[in-house]
């Protein structure tokens, strides 16, 4: 029950903080050239791909922990197939 209260408190705090930052934002008078936008897109793409790879790795570890990888256990390695011939 305390985690629900903590989550509500943190959510309320985060929303209030964002509102305060947006309401009292001062003008920046900054110039962003096209190279900056390209760099931001590249960083976002890299972060997205990295997150997908991390979660795929993490999901594989969880799946192997609970159920194991039955496909790799049943498969015969290539070197054993060539020894039979």
PDB file of N, CA and C in Angstrom:
ATOM      1  N   UNK A   1       0.816  -1.189   0.000  1.00  0.00           N
ATOM      2  CA  UNK A   1       0.000   0.000   0.000  1.00  0.00           C
ATOM      3  C   UNK A   1       0.864   1.258   0.000  1.00  0.00           C
ATOM      4  N   UNK A   2       1.989   1.201   0.666  1.00  0.00           N
ATOM      5  CA  UNK A   2       2.840   2.386   0.716  1.00  0.00           C
ATOM      6  C   UNK A   2       3.469   2.680  -0.640  1.00  0.00           C
ATOM      7  N   UNK A   3       3.682   1.654  -1.449  1.00  0.00           N
ATOM      8  CA  UNK A   3       4.252   1.914  -2.771  1.00  0.00           C
ATOM      9  C   UNK A   3       3.256   2.652  -3.652  1.00  0.00           C
ATOM     10  N   UNK A   4       1.966   2.396  -3.471  1.00  0.00           N
ATOM     11  CA  UNK A   4       0.946   3.125  -4.231  1.00  0.00           C
ATOM     12  C   UNK A   4       0.968   4.602  -3.846  1.00  0.00           C
ATOM     13  N   UNK A   5       1.077   4.869  -2.548  1.00  0.00           N
ATOM     14  CA  UNK A   5       1.142   6.259  -2.097  1.00  0.00           C
ATOM     15  C   UNK A   5       2.408   6.928  -2.599  1.00  0.00           C
ATOM     16  N   UNK A   6       3.504   6.194  -2.562  1.00  0.00           N
ATOM     17  CA  UNK A   6       4.764   6.748  -3.040  1.00  0.00           C
ATOM     18  C   UNK A   6       4.686   7.037  -4.527  1.00  0.00           C
ATOM     19  N   UNK A   7       4.092   6.136  -5.292  1.00  0.00           N
ATOM     20  CA  UNK A   7       3.957   6.346  -6.731  1.00  0.00           C
ATOM     21  C   UNK A   7       3.077   7.555  -7.021  1.00  0.00           C
ATOM     22  N   UNK A   8       1.976   7.699  -6.288  1.00  0.00           N
ATOM     23  CA  UNK A   8       1.105   8.862  -6.478  1.00  0.00           C
ATOM     24  C   UNK A   8       1.845  10.147  -6.130  1.00  0.00           C
ATOM     25  N   UNK A   9       2.596  10.120  -5.040  1.00  0.00           N
ATOM     26  CA  UNK A   9       3.343  11.298  -4.618  1.00  0.00           C
ATOM     27  C   UNK A   9       4.388  11.675  -5.662  1.00  0.00           C
ATOM     28  N   UNK A  10       5.123  10.690  -6.153  1.00  0.00           N
ATOM     29  CA  UNK A  10       6.152  10.976  -7.147  1.00  0.00           C
ATOM     30  C   UNK A  10       5.552  11.476  -8.455  1.00  0.00           C
ATOM     31  N   UNK A  11       4.431  10.905  -8.857  1.00  0.00           N
ATOM     32  CA  UNK A  11       3.770  11.354 -10.080  1.00  0.00           C
ATOM     33  C   UNK A  11       3.285  12.788  -9.928  1.00  0.00           C
ATOM     34  N   UNK A  12       2.672  13.086  -8.804  1.00  0.00           N
ATOM     35  CA  UNK A  12       2.194  14.445  -8.554  1.00  0.00           C
ATOM     36  C   UNK A  12       3.367  15.428  -8.523  1.00  0.00           C
ATOM     37  N   UNK A  13       4.454  15.040  -7.885  1.00  0.00           N
ATOM     38  CA  UNK A  13       5.638  15.896  -7.809  1.00  0.00           C
ATOM     39  C   UNK A  13       6.220  16.140  -9.199  1.00  0.00           C
ATOM     40  N   UNK A  14       6.290  15.098 -10.013  1.00  0.00           N
ATOM     41  CA  UNK A  14       6.836  15.224 -11.358  1.00  0.00           C
ATOM     42  C   UNK A  14       5.973  16.133 -12.225  1.00  0.00           C
ATOM     43  N   UNK A  15       4.665  15.955 -12.171  1.00  0.00           N
ATOM     44  CA  UNK A  15       3.759  16.786 -12.968  1.00  0.00           C
ATOM     45  C   UNK A  15       3.856  18.243 -12.530  1.00  0.00           C
ATOM     46  N   UNK A  16       3.858  18.494 -11.240  1.00  0.00           N
ATOM     47  CA  UNK A  16       3.971  19.871 -10.744  1.00  0.00           C
ATOM     48  C   UNK A  16       5.297  20.500 -11.145  1.00  0.00           C
ATOM     49  N   UNK A  17       6.366  19.738 -11.093  1.00  0.00           N
ATOM     50  CA  UNK A  17       7.677  20.254 -11.486  1.00  0.00           C
ATOM     51  C   UNK A  17       7.703  20.626 -12.958  1.00  0.00           C
ATOM     52  N   UNK A  18       7.129  19.779 -13.801  1.00  0.00           N
ATOM     53  CA  UNK A  18       7.104  20.066 -15.238  1.00  0.00           C
ATOM     54  C   UNK A  18       6.265  21.305 -15.525  1.00  0.00           C
ATOM     55  N   UNK A  19       5.123  21.438 -14.854  1.00  0.00           N
ATOM     56  CA  UNK A  19       4.272  22.612 -15.051  1.00  0.00           C
ATOM     57  C   UNK A  19       5.014  23.879 -14.642  1.00  0.00           C
ATOM     58  N   UNK A  20       5.686  23.852 -13.508  1.00  0.00           N
ATOM     59  CA  UNK A  20       6.433  25.028 -13.047  1.00  0.00           C
ATOM     60  C   UNK A  20       7.544  25.379 -14.033  1.00  0.00           C
ATOM     61  N   UNK A  21       8.258  24.374 -14.525  1.00  0.00           N
ATOM     62  CA  UNK A  21       9.330  24.642 -15.480  1.00  0.00           C
ATOM     63  C   UNK A  21       8.799  25.219 -16.784  1.00  0.00           C
ATOM     64  N   UNK A  22       7.649  24.766 -17.241  1.00  0.00           N
ATOM     65  CA  UNK A  22       7.089  25.274 -18.490  1.00  0.00           C
ATOM     66  C   UNK A  22       6.492  26.669 -18.331  1.00  0.00           C
ATOM     67  N   UNK A  23       5.902  26.948 -17.175  1.00  0.00           N
ATOM     68  CA  UNK A  23       5.275  28.249 -16.964  1.00  0.00           C
ATOM     69  C   UNK A  23       6.329  29.341 -16.808  1.00  0.00           C
ATOM     70  N   UNK A  24       7.402  29.056 -16.103  1.00  0.00           N
ATOM     71  CA  UNK A  24       8.403  30.070 -15.818  1.00  0.00           C
ATOM     72  C   UNK A  24       9.630  29.973 -16.720  1.00  0.00           C
ATOM     73  N   UNK A  25       9.492  29.408 -17.893  1.00  0.00           N
ATOM     74  CA  UNK A  25      10.629  29.275 -18.809  1.00  0.00           C
ATOM     75  C   UNK A  25      10.944  30.630 -19.439  1.00  0.00           C
ATOM     76  N   UNK A  26      12.218  30.966 -19.454  1.00  0.00           N
ATOM     77  CA  UNK A  26      12.663  32.215 -20.067  1.00  0.00           C
ATOM     78  C   UNK A  26      13.027  31.954 -21.522  1.00  0.00           C
ATOM     79  N   UNK A  27      12.873  32.952 -22.394  1.00  0.00           N
ATOM     80  CA  UNK A  27      13.261  32.755 -23.790  1.00  0.00           C
ATOM     81  C   UNK A  27      14.768  32.527 -23.902  1.00  0.00           C
ATOM     82  N   UNK A  28      15.164  31.618 -24.777  1.00  0.00           N
ATOM     83  CA  UNK A  28      16.568  31.242 -24.873  1.00  0.00           C
ATOM     84  C   UNK A  28      17.330  32.079 -25.888  1.00  0.00           C
ATOM     85  N   UNK A  29      16.662  32.598 -26.908  1.00  0.00           N
ATOM     86  CA  UNK A  29      17.310  33.339 -27.992  1.00  0.00           C
ATOM     87  C   UNK A  29      18.459  32.528 -28.580  1.00  0.00           C
ATOM     88  N   UNK A  30      18.193  31.269 -28.849  1.00  0.00           N
ATOM     89  CA  UNK A  30      19.217  30.362 -29.358  1.00  0.00           C
ATOM     90  C   UNK A  30      18.898  29.990 -30.798  1.00  0.00           C
ATOM     91  N   UNK A  31      19.939  29.611 -31.518  1.00  0.00           N
ATOM     92  CA  UNK A  31      19.792  29.178 -32.904  1.00  0.00           C
ATOM     93  C   UNK A  31      20.223  27.726 -33.006  1.00  0.00           C
ATOM     94  N   UNK A  32      19.367  26.895 -33.568  1.00  0.00           N
ATOM     95  CA  UNK A  32      19.700  25.496 -33.797  1.00  0.00           C
ATOM     96  C   UNK A  32      19.831  25.287 -35.299  1.00  0.00           C
ATOM     97  N   UNK A  33      21.026  24.981 -35.741  1.00  0.00           N
ATOM     98  CA  UNK A  33      21.226  24.737 -37.166  1.00  0.00           C
ATOM     99  C   UNK A  33      20.787  23.320 -37.522  1.00  0.00           C
ATOM    100  N   UNK A  34      20.678  22.996 -38.816  1.00  0.00           N
ATOM    101  CA  UNK A  34      20.226  21.657 -39.222  1.00  0.00           C
ATOM    102  C   UNK A  34      21.130  20.533 -38.711  1.00  0.00           C
ATOM    103  N   UNK A  35      22.404  20.789 -38.528  1.00  0.00           N
ATOM    104  CA  UNK A  35      23.308  19.766 -38.009  1.00  0.00           C
ATOM    105  C   UNK A  35      22.948  19.351 -36.593  1.00  0.00           C
ATOM    106  N   UNK A  36      22.452  20.293 -35.809  1.00  0.00           N
ATOM    107  CA  UNK A  36      22.053  19.985 -34.440  1.00  0.00           C
ATOM    108  C   UNK A  36      20.840  19.063 -34.430  1.00  0.00           C
ATOM    109  N   UNK A  37      19.880  19.336 -35.293  1.00  0.00           N
ATOM    110  CA  UNK A  37      18.706  18.467 -35.388  1.00  0.00           C
ATOM    111  C   UNK A  37      19.080  17.068 -35.822  1.00  0.00           C
ATOM    112  N   UNK A  38      20.014  16.977 -36.754  1.00  0.00           N
ATOM    113  CA  UNK A  38      20.479  15.670 -37.213  1.00  0.00           C
ATOM    114  C   UNK A  38      21.172  14.924 -36.084  1.00  0.00           C
ATOM    115  N   UNK A  39      21.949  15.642 -35.301  1.00  0.00           N
ATOM    116  CA  UNK A  39      22.645  15.014 -34.180  1.00  0.00           C
ATOM    117  C   UNK A  39      21.657  14.516 -33.123  1.00  0.00           C
ATOM    118  N   UNK A  40      20.611  15.278 -32.881  1.00  0.00           N
ATOM    119  CA  UNK A  40      19.594  14.861 -31.914  1.00  0.00           C
ATOM    120  C   UNK A  40      18.875  13.610 -32.407  1.00  0.00           C
ATOM    121  N   UNK A  41      18.507  13.582 -33.704  1.00  0.00           N
ATOM    122  CA  UNK A  41      17.847  12.397 -34.258  1.00  0.00           C
ATOM    123  C   UNK A  41      18.753  11.176 -34.192  1.00  0.00           C
ATOM    124  N   UNK A  42      20.030  11.367 -34.460  1.00  0.00           N
ATOM    125  CA  UNK A  42      20.980  10.255 -34.405  1.00  0.00           C
ATOM    126  C   UNK A  42      21.106   9.724 -32.973  1.00  0.00           C
ATOM    127  N   UNK A  43      21.150  10.616 -32.002  1.00  0.00           N
ATOM    128  CA  UNK A  43      21.244  10.193 -30.603  1.00  0.00           C
ATOM    129  C   UNK A  43      19.980   9.444 -30.173  1.00  0.00           C
ATOM    130  N   UNK A  44      18.812   9.924 -30.603  1.00  0.00           N
ATOM    131  CA  UNK A  44      17.563   9.236 -30.262  1.00  0.00           C
ATOM    132  C   UNK A  44      17.488   7.860 -30.908  1.00  0.00           C
ATOM    133  N   UNK A  45      17.923   7.756 -32.166  1.00  0.00           N
ATOM    134  CA  UNK A  45      17.912   6.454 -32.845  1.00  0.00           C
ATOM    135  C   UNK A  45      18.864   5.484 -32.159  1.00  0.00           C
ATOM    136  N   UNK A  46      20.036   5.965 -31.787  1.00  0.00           N
ATOM    137  CA  UNK A  46      21.011   5.115 -31.108  1.00  0.00           C
ATOM    138  C   UNK A  46      20.480   4.650 -29.754  1.00  0.00           C
ATOM    139  N   UNK A  47      19.872   5.562 -29.018  1.00  0.00           N
ATOM    140  CA  UNK A  47      19.311   5.195 -27.716  1.00  0.00           C
ATOM    141  C   UNK A  47      18.178   4.181 -27.878  1.00  0.00           C
ATOM    142  N   UNK A  48      17.346   4.358 -28.886  1.00  0.00           N
ATOM    143  CA  UNK A  48      16.248   3.421 -29.122  1.00  0.00           C
ATOM    144  C   UNK A  48      16.737   2.035 -29.489  1.00  0.00           C
ATOM    145  N   UNK A  49      17.709   1.966 -30.382  1.00  0.00           N
ATOM    146  CA  UNK A  49      18.259   0.669 -30.783  1.00  0.00           C
ATOM    147  C   UNK A  49      18.972   0.005 -29.608  1.00  0.00           C
ATOM    148  N   UNK A  50      19.704   0.787 -28.843  1.00  0.00           N
ATOM    149  CA  UNK A  50      20.377   0.237 -27.664  1.00  0.00           C
ATOM    150  C   UNK A  50      19.389  -0.302 -26.646  1.00  0.00           C
ATOM    151  N   UNK A  51      18.286   0.410 -26.436  1.00  0.00           N
ATOM    152  CA  UNK A  51      17.261  -0.059 -25.496  1.00  0.00           C
ATOM    153  C   UNK A  51      16.620  -1.350 -25.991  1.00  0.00           C
ATOM    154  N   UNK A  52      16.352  -1.435 -27.300  1.00  0.00           N
ATOM    155  CA  UNK A  52      15.758  -2.666 -27.839  1.00  0.00           C
ATOM    156  C   UNK A  52      16.701  -3.849 -27.672  1.00  0.00           C
ATOM    157  N   UNK A  53      17.983  -3.639 -27.938  1.00  0.00           N
ATOM    158  CA  UNK A  53      18.945  -4.726 -27.781  1.00  0.00           C
ATOM    159  C   UNK A  53      19.079  -5.149 -26.325  1.00  0.00           C
ATOM    160  N   UNK A  54      19.076  -4.185 -25.416  1.00  0.00           N
ATOM    161  CA  UNK A  54      19.173  -4.504 -23.993  1.00  0.00           C
ATOM    162  C   UNK A  54      17.975  -5.328 -23.538  1.00  0.00           C
ATOM    163  N   UNK A  55      16.764  -4.899 -23.917  1.00  0.00           N
ATOM    164  CA  UNK A  55      15.577  -5.626 -23.482  1.00  0.00           C
ATOM    165  C   UNK A  55      15.486  -6.995 -24.138  1.00  0.00           C
ATOM    166  N   UNK A  56      15.965  -7.131 -25.372  1.00  0.00           N
ATOM    167  CA  UNK A  56      15.984  -8.452 -26.011  1.00  0.00           C
ATOM    168  C   UNK A  56      16.933  -9.375 -25.261  1.00  0.00           C
ATOM    169  N   UNK A  57      18.090  -8.870 -24.872  1.00  0.00           N
ATOM    170  CA  UNK A  57      19.063  -9.658 -24.102  1.00  0.00           C
ATOM    171  C   UNK A  57      18.474 -10.041 -22.744  1.00  0.00           C
ATOM    172  N   UNK A  58      17.834  -9.067 -22.089  1.00  0.00           N
ATOM    173  CA  UNK A  58      17.245  -9.299 -20.775  1.00  0.00           C
ATOM    174  C   UNK A  58      16.113 -10.319 -20.870  1.00  0.00           C
ATOM    175  N   UNK A  59      15.263 -10.214 -21.898  1.00  0.00           N
ATOM    176  CA  UNK A  59      14.160 -11.150 -22.077  1.00  0.00           C
ATOM    177  C   UNK A  59      14.686 -12.558 -22.324  1.00  0.00           C
ATOM    178  N   UNK A  60      15.768 -12.685 -23.076  1.00  0.00           N
ATOM    179  CA  UNK A  60      16.358 -13.994 -23.351  1.00  0.00           C
ATOM    180  C   UNK A  60      16.876 -14.626 -22.056  1.00  0.00           C
ATOM    181  N   UNK A  61      17.490 -13.821 -21.192  1.00  0.00           N
ATOM    182  CA  UNK A  61      17.980 -14.343 -19.913  1.00  0.00           C
ATOM    183  C   UNK A  61      16.820 -14.822 -19.042  1.00  0.00           C
ATOM    184  N   UNK A  62      15.731 -14.074 -19.017  1.00  0.00           N
ATOM    185  CA  UNK A  62      14.567 -14.474 -18.223  1.00  0.00           C
ATOM    186  C   UNK A  62      13.959 -15.751 -18.790  1.00  0.00           C
ATOM    187  N   UNK A  63      13.800 -15.823 -20.101  1.00  0.00           N
ATOM    188  CA  UNK A  63      13.212 -17.004 -20.735  1.00  0.00           C
ATOM    189  C   UNK A  63      14.074 -18.233 -20.486  1.00  0.00           C
ATOM    190  N   UNK A  64      15.387 -18.096 -20.592  1.00  0.00           N
ATOM    191  CA  UNK A  64      16.276 -19.224 -20.341  1.00  0.00           C
ATOM    192  C   UNK A  64      16.260 -19.644 -18.874  1.00  0.00           C
ATOM    193  N   UNK A  65      16.082 -18.698 -17.971  1.00  0.00           N
ATOM    194  CA  UNK A  65      16.040 -19.018 -16.546  1.00  0.00           C
ATOM    195  C   UNK A  65      14.805 -19.844 -16.205  1.00  0.00           C
ATOM    196  N   UNK A  66      13.652 -19.444 -16.729  1.00  0.00           N
ATOM    197  CA  UNK A  66      12.412 -20.127 -16.372  1.00  0.00           C
ATOM    198  C   UNK A  66      12.135 -21.364 -17.214  1.00  0.00           C
ATOM    199  N   UNK A  67      12.355 -21.285 -18.510  1.00  0.00           N
ATOM    200  CA  UNK A  67      11.963 -22.404 -19.346  1.00  0.00           C
ATOM    201  C   UNK A  67      13.109 -23.062 -20.064  1.00  0.00           C
ATOM    202  N   UNK A  68      14.191 -22.396 -20.163  1.00  0.00           N
ATOM    203  CA  UNK A  68      15.306 -22.927 -20.923  1.00  0.00           C
ATOM    204  C   UNK A  68      15.062 -22.778 -22.410  1.00  0.00           C
ATOM    205  N   UNK A  69      16.092 -22.939 -23.163  1.00  0.00           N
ATOM    206  CA  UNK A  69      16.008 -22.826 -24.610  1.00  0.00           C
ATOM    207  C   UNK A  69      15.965 -24.236 -25.178  1.00  0.00           C
ATOM    208  N   UNK A  70      14.767 -24.770 -25.418  1.00  0.00           N
ATOM    209  CA  UNK A  70      14.630 -26.157 -25.859  1.00  0.00           C
ATOM    210  C   UNK A  70      15.142 -26.355 -27.273  1.00  0.00           C
ATOM    211  N   UNK A  71      15.087 -25.336 -28.101  1.00  0.00           N
ATOM    212  CA  UNK A  71      15.531 -25.485 -29.489  1.00  0.00           C
ATOM    213  C   UNK A  71      17.033 -25.735 -29.550  1.00  0.00           C
ATOM    214  N   UNK A  72      17.795 -25.060 -28.707  1.00  0.00           N
ATOM    215  CA  UNK A  72      19.246 -25.241 -28.753  1.00  0.00           C
ATOM    216  C   UNK A  72      19.662 -26.569 -28.123  1.00  0.00           C
ATOM    217  N   UNK A  73      18.874 -27.115 -27.187  1.00  0.00           N
ATOM    218  CA  UNK A  73      19.214 -28.395 -26.566  1.00  0.00           C
ATOM    219  C   UNK A  73      18.935 -29.560 -27.514  1.00  0.00           C
ATOM    220  N   UNK A  74      17.867 -29.449 -28.323  1.00  0.00           N
ATOM    221  CA  UNK A  74      17.495 -30.524 -29.236  1.00  0.00           C
ATOM    222  C   UNK A  74      18.313 -30.518 -30.521  1.00  0.00           C
ATOM    223  N   UNK A  75      18.885 -29.396 -30.855  1.00  0.00           N
ATOM    224  CA  UNK A  75      19.611 -29.291 -32.118  1.00  0.00           C
ATOM    225  C   UNK A  75      20.930 -30.056 -32.034  1.00  0.00           C
ATOM    226  N   UNK A  76      21.309 -30.670 -33.134  1.00  0.00           N
ATOM    227  CA  UNK A  76      22.571 -31.408 -33.211  1.00  0.00           C
ATOM    228  C   UNK A  76      23.617 -30.465 -33.789  1.00  0.00           C
ATOM    229  N   UNK A  77      24.757 -30.313 -33.144  1.00  0.00           N
ATOM    230  CA  UNK A  77      25.797 -29.440 -33.684  1.00  0.00           C
ATOM    231  C   UNK A  77      26.286 -29.941 -35.037  1.00  0.00           C
ATOM    232  N   UNK A  78      26.821 -29.040 -35.840  1.00  0.00           N
ATOM    233  CA  UNK A  78      27.274 -29.377 -37.186  1.00  0.00           C
ATOM    234  C   UNK A  78      28.401 -30.397 -37.182  1.00  0.00           C
ATOM    235  N   UNK A  79      29.306 -30.337 -36.224  1.00  0.00           N
ATOM    236  CA  UNK A  79      30.453 -31.244 -36.237  1.00  0.00           C
ATOM    237  C   UNK A  79      30.038 -32.697 -35.979  1.00  0.00           C
ATOM    238  N   UNK A  80      28.943 -32.933 -35.239  1.00  0.00           N
ATOM    239  CA  UNK A  80      28.482 -34.303 -35.007  1.00  0.00           C
ATOM    240  C   UNK A  80      27.836 -34.891 -36.258  1.00  0.00           C
ATOM    241  N   UNK A  81      27.189 -34.052 -37.063  1.00  0.00           N
ATOM    242  CA  UNK A  81      26.567 -34.536 -38.296  1.00  0.00           C
ATOM    243  C   UNK A  81      27.634 -34.979 -39.294  1.00  0.00           C
ATOM    244  N   UNK A  82      28.720 -34.256 -39.373  1.00  0.00           N
ATOM    245  CA  UNK A  82      29.767 -34.607 -40.334  1.00  0.00           C
ATOM    246  C   UNK A  82      30.537 -35.840 -39.881  1.00  0.00           C
ATOM    247  N   UNK A  83      30.602 -36.108 -38.570  1.00  0.00           N
ATOM    248  CA  UNK A  83      31.309 -37.294 -38.082  1.00  0.00           C
ATOM    249  C   UNK A  83      30.566 -38.581 -38.424  1.00  0.00           C
ATOM    250  N   UNK A  84      29.236 -38.516 -38.537  1.00  0.00           N
ATOM    251  CA  UNK A  84      28.444 -39.706 -38.832  1.00  0.00           C
ATOM    252  C   UNK A  84      28.628 -40.166 -40.276  1.00  0.00           C
ATOM    253  N   UNK A  85      28.914 -39.276 -41.175  1.00  0.00           N
ATOM    254  CA  UNK A  85      29.043 -39.624 -42.601  1.00  0.00           C
ATOM    255  C   UNK A  85      30.320 -40.281 -42.905  1.00  0.00           C
TER     256      UNK A  85
END
